[in-house]
Amino acid sequence: MMVCLFWTIFFAIRLFRGNDEPRVTGTILLFYIATTILYTDHWLYFSDCPSFIGEWSYLIVNLCVYPLYYAYLRALTRT
């Protein structure tokens, strides 16, 4: 969770500073935002702090992550 949070902050700063490829950075940023939310929901669940919002965000983000894996891999392997 902390690693994904670090990369979320890193790519957010990189995107808003205006790098060379904002589309690729935006895709990677979206991926890391989703994974940070997903791992935060895991952390809350295994810390015996489940909540209604945590369960719904886990459900929605879990479904969103799979297409983002594809977009993430395409963003990393572009020439």
PDB file of N, CA and C in Angstrom:
ATOM      1  N   MET A   1       0.828  -1.181   0.000  1.00  0.00           N
ATOM      2  CA  MET A   1       0.000   0.000   0.000  1.00  0.00           C
ATOM      3  C   MET A   1       0.878   1.253   0.000  1.00  0.00           C
ATOM      4  N   MET A   2       1.916   1.249   0.812  1.00  0.00           N
ATOM      5  CA  MET A   2       2.767   2.432   0.902  1.00  0.00           C
ATOM      6  C   MET A   2       3.572   2.653  -0.385  1.00  0.00           C
ATOM      7  N   VAL A   3       3.973   1.565  -1.019  1.00  0.00           N
ATOM      8  CA  VAL A   3       4.712   1.687  -2.277  1.00  0.00           C
ATOM      9  C   VAL A   3       3.810   2.286  -3.358  1.00  0.00           C
ATOM     10  N   CYS A   4       2.580   1.796  -3.432  1.00  0.00           N
ATOM     11  CA  CYS A   4       1.647   2.341  -4.420  1.00  0.00           C
ATOM     12  C   CYS A   4       1.310   3.798  -4.115  1.00  0.00           C
ATOM     13  N   LEU A   5       1.206   4.141  -2.836  1.00  0.00           N
ATOM     14  CA  LEU A   5       0.965   5.532  -2.460  1.00  0.00           C
ATOM     15  C   LEU A   5       2.140   6.416  -2.870  1.00  0.00           C
ATOM     16  N   PHE A   6       3.352   5.923  -2.672  1.00  0.00           N
ATOM     17  CA  PHE A   6       4.531   6.678  -3.090  1.00  0.00           C
ATOM     18  C   PHE A   6       4.509   6.940  -4.597  1.00  0.00           C
ATOM     19  N   TRP A   7       4.235   5.879  -5.381  1.00  0.00           N
ATOM     20  CA  TRP A   7       4.222   6.045  -6.833  1.00  0.00           C
ATOM     21  C   TRP A   7       3.057   6.913  -7.294  1.00  0.00           C
ATOM     22  N   THR A   8       1.952   6.884  -6.572  1.00  0.00           N
ATOM     23  CA  THR A   8       0.829   7.771  -6.897  1.00  0.00           C
ATOM     24  C   THR A   8       1.251   9.226  -6.749  1.00  0.00           C
ATOM     25  N   ILE A   9       1.899   9.533  -5.646  1.00  0.00           N
ATOM     26  CA  ILE A   9       2.365  10.902  -5.422  1.00  0.00           C
ATOM     27  C   ILE A   9       3.430  11.281  -6.450  1.00  0.00           C
ATOM     28  N   PHE A  10       4.341  10.380  -6.735  1.00  0.00           N
ATOM     29  CA  PHE A  10       5.400  10.652  -7.703  1.00  0.00           C
ATOM     30  C   PHE A  10       4.828  10.977  -9.083  1.00  0.00           C
ATOM     31  N   PHE A  11       3.902  10.135  -9.567  1.00  0.00           N
ATOM     32  CA  PHE A  11       3.351  10.369 -10.901  1.00  0.00           C
ATOM     33  C   PHE A  11       2.386  11.541 -10.928  1.00  0.00           C
ATOM     34  N   ALA A  12       1.727  11.854  -9.821  1.00  0.00           N
ATOM     35  CA  ALA A  12       0.873  13.044  -9.770  1.00  0.00           C
ATOM     36  C   ALA A  12       1.722  14.305  -9.906  1.00  0.00           C
ATOM     37  N   ILE A  13       2.833  14.346  -9.189  1.00  0.00           N
ATOM     38  CA  ILE A  13       3.742  15.496  -9.310  1.00  0.00           C
ATOM     39  C   ILE A  13       4.297  15.584 -10.724  1.00  0.00           C
ATOM     40  N   ARG A  14       4.668  14.451 -11.270  1.00  0.00           N
ATOM     41  CA  ARG A  14       5.227  14.436 -12.627  1.00  0.00           C
ATOM     42  C   ARG A  14       4.197  14.881 -13.670  1.00  0.00           C
ATOM     43  N   LEU A  15       2.935  14.476 -13.493  1.00  0.00           N
ATOM     44  CA  LEU A  15       1.890  14.856 -14.441  1.00  0.00           C
ATOM     45  C   LEU A  15       1.588  16.342 -14.366  1.00  0.00           C
ATOM     46  N   PHE A  16       1.510  16.883 -13.163  1.00  0.00           N
ATOM     47  CA  PHE A  16       1.128  18.286 -13.011  1.00  0.00           C
ATOM     48  C   PHE A  16       2.275  19.247 -13.253  1.00  0.00           C
ATOM     49  N   ARG A  17       3.493  18.752 -13.310  1.00  0.00           N
ATOM     50  CA  ARG A  17       4.622  19.607 -13.687  1.00  0.00           C
ATOM     51  C   ARG A  17       4.759  19.733 -15.197  1.00  0.00           C
ATOM     52  N   GLY A  18       4.042  18.896 -15.936  1.00  0.00           N
ATOM     53  CA  GLY A  18       4.062  18.992 -17.387  1.00  0.00           C
ATOM     54  C   GLY A  18       5.218  18.250 -18.018  1.00  0.00           C
ATOM     55  N   ASN A  19       5.169  16.940 -17.967  1.00  0.00           N
ATOM     56  CA  ASN A  19       6.252  16.149 -18.559  1.00  0.00           C
ATOM     57  C   ASN A  19       6.014  15.966 -20.056  1.00  0.00           C
ATOM     58  N   ASP A  20       6.859  15.166 -20.696  1.00  0.00           N
ATOM     59  CA  ASP A  20       6.805  14.993 -22.142  1.00  0.00           C
ATOM     60  C   ASP A  20       5.584  14.214 -22.611  1.00  0.00           C
ATOM     61  N   GLU A  21       5.195  13.191 -21.880  1.00  0.00           N
ATOM     62  CA  GLU A  21       4.080  12.344 -22.301  1.00  0.00           C
ATOM     63  C   GLU A  21       2.994  12.322 -21.227  1.00  0.00           C
ATOM     64  N   PRO A  22       2.076  13.290 -21.254  1.00  0.00           N
ATOM     65  CA  PRO A  22       1.053  13.342 -20.209  1.00  0.00           C
ATOM     66  C   PRO A  22       0.053  12.200 -20.289  1.00  0.00           C
ATOM     67  N   ARG A  23      -0.172  11.654 -21.481  1.00  0.00           N
ATOM     68  CA  ARG A  23      -1.133  10.560 -21.610  1.00  0.00           C
ATOM     69  C   ARG A  23      -0.628   9.286 -20.922  1.00  0.00           C
ATOM     70  N   VAL A  24       0.628   8.982 -21.134  1.00  0.00           N
ATOM     71  CA  VAL A  24       1.226   7.797 -20.505  1.00  0.00           C
ATOM     72  C   VAL A  24       1.283   7.981 -18.996  1.00  0.00           C
ATOM     73  N   THR A  25       1.717   9.147 -18.551  1.00  0.00           N
ATOM     74  CA  THR A  25       1.797   9.412 -17.119  1.00  0.00           C
ATOM     75  C   THR A  25       0.414   9.402 -16.484  1.00  0.00           C
ATOM     76  N   GLY A  26      -0.585   9.912 -17.178  1.00  0.00           N
ATOM     77  CA  GLY A  26      -1.953   9.884 -16.665  1.00  0.00           C
ATOM     78  C   GLY A  26      -2.488   8.476 -16.513  1.00  0.00           C
ATOM     79  N   THR A  27      -2.170   7.612 -17.472  1.00  0.00           N
ATOM     80  CA  THR A  27      -2.594   6.211 -17.398  1.00  0.00           C
ATOM     81  C   THR A  27      -1.937   5.506 -16.224  1.00  0.00           C
ATOM     82  N   ILE A  28      -0.658   5.709 -16.063  1.00  0.00           N
ATOM     83  CA  ILE A  28       0.051   5.089 -14.949  1.00  0.00           C
ATOM     84  C   ILE A  28      -0.451   5.653 -13.624  1.00  0.00           C
ATOM     85  N   LEU A  29      -0.717   6.955 -13.565  1.00  0.00           N
ATOM     86  CA  LEU A  29      -1.248   7.567 -12.356  1.00  0.00           C
ATOM     87  C   LEU A  29      -2.605   6.981 -11.995  1.00  0.00           C
ATOM     88  N   LEU A  30      -3.465   6.801 -12.974  1.00  0.00           N
ATOM     89  CA  LEU A  30      -4.776   6.203 -12.729  1.00  0.00           C
ATOM     90  C   LEU A  30      -4.645   4.784 -12.194  1.00  0.00           C
ATOM     91  N   PHE A  31      -3.713   4.026 -12.742  1.00  0.00           N
ATOM     92  CA  PHE A  31      -3.454   2.679 -12.262  1.00  0.00           C
ATOM     93  C   PHE A  31      -3.023   2.694 -10.799  1.00  0.00           C
ATOM     94  N   TYR A  32      -2.099   3.567 -10.450  1.00  0.00           N
ATOM     95  CA  TYR A  32      -1.607   3.601  -9.075  1.00  0.00           C
ATOM     96  C   TYR A  32      -2.640   4.152  -8.100  1.00  0.00           C
ATOM     97  N   ILE A  33      -3.497   5.048  -8.528  1.00  0.00           N
ATOM     98  CA  ILE A  33      -4.592   5.500  -7.665  1.00  0.00           C
ATOM     99  C   ILE A  33      -5.513   4.333  -7.343  1.00  0.00           C
ATOM    100  N   ALA A  34      -5.861   3.563  -8.363  1.00  0.00           N
ATOM    101  CA  ALA A  34      -6.749   2.413  -8.151  1.00  0.00           C
ATOM    102  C   ALA A  34      -6.107   1.376  -7.248  1.00  0.00           C
ATOM    103  N   THR A  35      -4.831   1.077  -7.465  1.00  0.00           N
ATOM    104  CA  THR A  35      -4.185   0.069  -6.617  1.00  0.00           C
ATOM    105  C   THR A  35      -3.997   0.564  -5.191  1.00  0.00           C
ATOM    106  N   THR A  36      -3.767   1.859  -5.006  1.00  0.00           N
ATOM    107  CA  THR A  36      -3.666   2.400  -3.655  1.00  0.00           C
ATOM    108  C   THR A  36      -4.988   2.255  -2.915  1.00  0.00           C
ATOM    109  N   ILE A  37      -6.089   2.549  -3.575  1.00  0.00           N
ATOM    110  CA  ILE A  37      -7.405   2.378  -2.959  1.00  0.00           C
ATOM    111  C   ILE A  37      -7.659   0.912  -2.649  1.00  0.00           C
ATOM    112  N   LEU A  38      -7.302   0.044  -3.567  1.00  0.00           N
ATOM    113  CA  LEU A  38      -7.510  -1.391  -3.373  1.00  0.00           C
ATOM    114  C   LEU A  38      -6.710  -1.921  -2.184  1.00  0.00           C
ATOM    115  N   TYR A  39      -5.443  -1.555  -2.101  1.00  0.00           N
ATOM    116  CA  TYR A  39      -4.620  -2.025  -0.990  1.00  0.00           C
ATOM    117  C   TYR A  39      -5.024  -1.375   0.330  1.00  0.00           C
ATOM    118  N   THR A  40      -5.518  -0.153   0.299  1.00  0.00           N
ATOM    119  CA  THR A  40      -6.034   0.475   1.516  1.00  0.00           C
ATOM    120  C   THR A  40      -7.260  -0.271   2.019  1.00  0.00           C
ATOM    121  N   ASP A  41      -8.124  -0.681   1.109  1.00  0.00           N
ATOM    122  CA  ASP A  41      -9.290  -1.473   1.505  1.00  0.00           C
ATOM    123  C   ASP A  41      -8.877  -2.829   2.077  1.00  0.00           C
ATOM    124  N   HIS A  42      -7.843  -3.447   1.512  1.00  0.00           N
ATOM    125  CA  HIS A  42      -7.309  -4.686   2.092  1.00  0.00           C
ATOM    126  C   HIS A  42      -6.800  -4.449   3.514  1.00  0.00           C
ATOM    127  N   TRP A  43      -6.065  -3.373   3.687  1.00  0.00           N
ATOM    128  CA  TRP A  43      -5.514  -3.044   4.995  1.00  0.00           C
ATOM    129  C   TRP A  43      -6.624  -2.830   6.020  1.00  0.00           C
ATOM    130  N   LEU A  44      -7.668  -2.091   5.628  1.00  0.00           N
ATOM    131  CA  LEU A  44      -8.785  -1.858   6.546  1.00  0.00           C
ATOM    132  C   LEU A  44      -9.507  -3.152   6.887  1.00  0.00           C
ATOM    133  N   TYR A  45      -9.688  -4.010   5.905  1.00  0.00           N
ATOM    134  CA  TYR A  45     -10.388  -5.269   6.145  1.00  0.00           C
ATOM    135  C   TYR A  45      -9.603  -6.173   7.092  1.00  0.00           C
ATOM    136  N   PHE A  46      -8.318  -6.331   6.854  1.00  0.00           N
ATOM    137  CA  PHE A  46      -7.505  -7.216   7.686  1.00  0.00           C
ATOM    138  C   PHE A  46      -7.137  -6.599   9.028  1.00  0.00           C
ATOM    139  N   SER A  47      -7.411  -5.308   9.218  1.00  0.00           N
ATOM    140  CA  SER A  47      -7.221  -4.660  10.523  1.00  0.00           C
ATOM    141  C   SER A  47      -8.501  -4.694  11.342  1.00  0.00           C
ATOM    142  N   ASP A  48      -9.475  -5.469  10.912  1.00  0.00           N
ATOM    143  CA  ASP A  48     -10.778  -5.587  11.565  1.00  0.00           C
ATOM    144  C   ASP A  48     -11.509  -4.249  11.637  1.00  0.00           C
ATOM    145  N   CYS A  49     -11.388  -3.453  10.583  1.00  0.00           N
ATOM    146  CA  CYS A  49     -12.100  -2.179  10.486  1.00  0.00           C
ATOM    147  C   CYS A  49     -12.911  -2.120   9.193  1.00  0.00           C
ATOM    148  N   PRO A  50     -13.666  -3.176   8.858  1.00  0.00           N
ATOM    149  CA  PRO A  50     -14.421  -3.106   7.606  1.00  0.00           C
ATOM    150  C   PRO A  50     -15.543  -2.076   7.714  1.00  0.00           C
ATOM    151  N   SER A  51     -15.816  -1.429   6.622  1.00  0.00           N
ATOM    152  CA  SER A  51     -16.894  -0.449   6.582  1.00  0.00           C
ATOM    153  C   SER A  51     -17.654  -0.609   5.278  1.00  0.00           C
ATOM    154  N   PHE A  52     -18.818  -0.018   5.231  1.00  0.00           N
ATOM    155  CA  PHE A  52     -19.657  -0.097   4.047  1.00  0.00           C
ATOM    156  C   PHE A  52     -18.972   0.567   2.861  1.00  0.00           C
ATOM    157  N   ILE A  53     -18.363   1.709   3.082  1.00  0.00           N
ATOM    158  CA  ILE A  53     -17.682   2.435   1.994  1.00  0.00           C
ATOM    159  C   ILE A  53     -16.470   1.644   1.523  1.00  0.00           C
ATOM    160  N   GLY A  54     -15.755   1.026   2.453  1.00  0.00           N
ATOM    161  CA  GLY A  54     -14.598   0.220   2.082  1.00  0.00           C
ATOM    162  C   GLY A  54     -14.970  -0.979   1.233  1.00  0.00           C
ATOM    163  N   GLU A  55     -16.089  -1.612   1.556  1.00  0.00           N
ATOM    164  CA  GLU A  55     -16.530  -2.762   0.766  1.00  0.00           C
ATOM    165  C   GLU A  55     -16.948  -2.347  -0.637  1.00  0.00           C
ATOM    166  N   TRP A  56     -17.653  -1.238  -0.752  1.00  0.00           N
ATOM    167  CA  TRP A  56     -18.071  -0.784  -2.086  1.00  0.00           C
ATOM    168  C   TRP A  56     -16.898  -0.286  -2.907  1.00  0.00           C
ATOM    169  N   SER A  57     -15.978   0.431  -2.280  1.00  0.00           N
ATOM    170  CA  SER A  57     -14.822   0.905  -3.051  1.00  0.00           C
ATOM    171  C   SER A  57     -13.957  -0.277  -3.474  1.00  0.00           C
ATOM    172  N   TYR A  58     -13.860  -1.307  -2.632  1.00  0.00           N
ATOM    173  CA  TYR A  58     -13.112  -2.505  -3.014  1.00  0.00           C
ATOM    174  C   TYR A  58     -13.758  -3.173  -4.223  1.00  0.00           C
ATOM    175  N   LEU A  59     -15.066  -3.278  -4.210  1.00  0.00           N
ATOM    176  CA  LEU A  59     -15.779  -3.905  -5.316  1.00  0.00           C
ATOM    177  C   LEU A  59     -15.579  -3.132  -6.617  1.00  0.00           C
ATOM    178  N   ILE A  60     -15.720  -1.842  -6.573  1.00  0.00           N
ATOM    179  CA  ILE A  60     -15.602  -1.019  -7.787  1.00  0.00           C
ATOM    180  C   ILE A  60     -14.164  -0.994  -8.292  1.00  0.00           C
ATOM    181  N   VAL A  61     -13.219  -0.778  -7.398  1.00  0.00           N
ATOM    182  CA  VAL A  61     -11.815  -0.686  -7.825  1.00  0.00           C
ATOM    183  C   VAL A  61     -11.303  -2.033  -8.299  1.00  0.00           C
ATOM    184  N   ASN A  62     -11.743  -3.104  -7.673  1.00  0.00           N
ATOM    185  CA  ASN A  62     -11.317  -4.432  -8.099  1.00  0.00           C
ATOM    186  C   ASN A  62     -11.743  -4.701  -9.541  1.00  0.00           C
ATOM    187  N   LEU A  63     -12.907  -4.245  -9.916  1.00  0.00           N
ATOM    188  CA  LEU A  63     -13.354  -4.409 -11.296  1.00  0.00           C
ATOM    189  C   LEU A  63     -12.628  -3.472 -12.253  1.00  0.00           C
ATOM    190  N   CYS A  64     -12.193  -2.329 -11.770  1.00  0.00           N
ATOM    191  CA  CYS A  64     -11.504  -1.355 -12.618  1.00  0.00           C
ATOM    192  C   CYS A  64     -10.035  -1.690 -12.831  1.00  0.00           C
ATOM    193  N   VAL A  65      -9.446  -2.447 -11.941  1.00  0.00           N
ATOM    194  CA  VAL A  65      -8.010  -2.688 -12.013  1.00  0.00           C
ATOM    195  C   VAL A  65      -7.632  -3.559 -13.200  1.00  0.00           C
ATOM    196  N   TYR A  66      -8.451  -4.512 -13.559  1.00  0.00           N
ATOM    197  CA  TYR A  66      -8.073  -5.430 -14.643  1.00  0.00           C
ATOM    198  C   TYR A  66      -7.886  -4.732 -15.989  1.00  0.00           C
ATOM    199  N   PRO A  67      -8.787  -3.851 -16.425  1.00  0.00           N
ATOM    200  CA  PRO A  67      -8.480  -3.107 -17.661  1.00  0.00           C
ATOM    201  C   PRO A  67      -7.292  -2.169 -17.494  1.00  0.00           C
ATOM    202  N   LEU A  68      -7.078  -1.690 -16.271  1.00  0.00           N
ATOM    203  CA  LEU A  68      -5.945  -0.804 -16.049  1.00  0.00           C
ATOM    204  C   LEU A  68      -4.615  -1.543 -16.144  1.00  0.00           C
ATOM    205  N   TYR A  69      -4.589  -2.835 -15.812  1.00  0.00           N
ATOM    206  CA  TYR A  69      -3.366  -3.621 -16.019  1.00  0.00           C
ATOM    207  C   TYR A  69      -2.975  -3.607 -17.497  1.00  0.00           C
ATOM    208  N   TYR A  70      -3.950  -3.772 -18.356  1.00  0.00           N
ATOM    209  CA  TYR A  70      -3.688  -3.751 -19.796  1.00  0.00           C
ATOM    210  C   TYR A  70      -3.183  -2.375 -20.230  1.00  0.00           C
ATOM    211  N   ALA A  71      -3.841  -1.319 -19.773  1.00  0.00           N
ATOM    212  CA  ALA A  71      -3.414   0.035 -20.134  1.00  0.00           C
ATOM    213  C   ALA A  71      -2.034   0.340 -19.570  1.00  0.00           C
ATOM    214  N   TYR A  72      -1.757  -0.139 -18.375  1.00  0.00           N
ATOM    215  CA  TYR A  72      -0.454   0.058 -17.748  1.00  0.00           C
ATOM    216  C   TYR A  72       0.644  -0.635 -18.549  1.00  0.00           C
ATOM    217  N   LEU A  73       0.407  -1.862 -18.953  1.00  0.00           N
ATOM    218  CA  LEU A  73       1.407  -2.584 -19.743  1.00  0.00           C
ATOM    219  C   LEU A  73       1.600  -1.951 -21.118  1.00  0.00           C
ATOM    220  N   ARG A  74       0.527  -1.476 -21.722  1.00  0.00           N
ATOM    221  CA  ARG A  74       0.663  -0.787 -23.017  1.00  0.00           C
ATOM    222  C   ARG A  74       1.440   0.497 -22.865  1.00  0.00           C
ATOM    223  N   ALA A  75       1.206   1.221 -21.760  1.00  0.00           N
ATOM    224  CA  ALA A  75       1.920   2.472 -21.537  1.00  0.00           C
ATOM    225  C   ALA A  75       3.413   2.225 -21.309  1.00  0.00           C
ATOM    226  N   LEU A  76       3.748   1.124 -20.673  1.00  0.00           N
ATOM    227  CA  LEU A  76       5.160   0.830 -20.409  1.00  0.00           C
ATOM    228  C   LEU A  76       5.897   0.286 -21.631  1.00  0.00           C
ATOM    229  N   THR A  77       5.192  -0.383 -22.536  1.00  0.00           N
ATOM    230  CA  THR A  77       5.854  -1.030 -23.662  1.00  0.00           C
ATOM    231  C   THR A  77       5.748  -0.260 -24.964  1.00  0.00           C
ATOM    232  N   ARG A  78       5.253   0.945 -24.927  1.00  0.00           N
ATOM    233  CA  ARG A  78       5.215   1.744 -26.163  1.00  0.00           C
ATOM    234  C   ARG A  78       6.611   2.158 -26.553  1.00  0.00           C
ATOM    235  N   THR A  79       6.797   2.272 -27.878  1.00  0.00           N
ATOM    236  CA  THR A  79       8.112   2.716 -28.340  1.00  0.00           C
ATOM    237  C   THR A  79       8.095   4.187 -28.651  1.00  0.00           C
TER     238      THR A  79
END
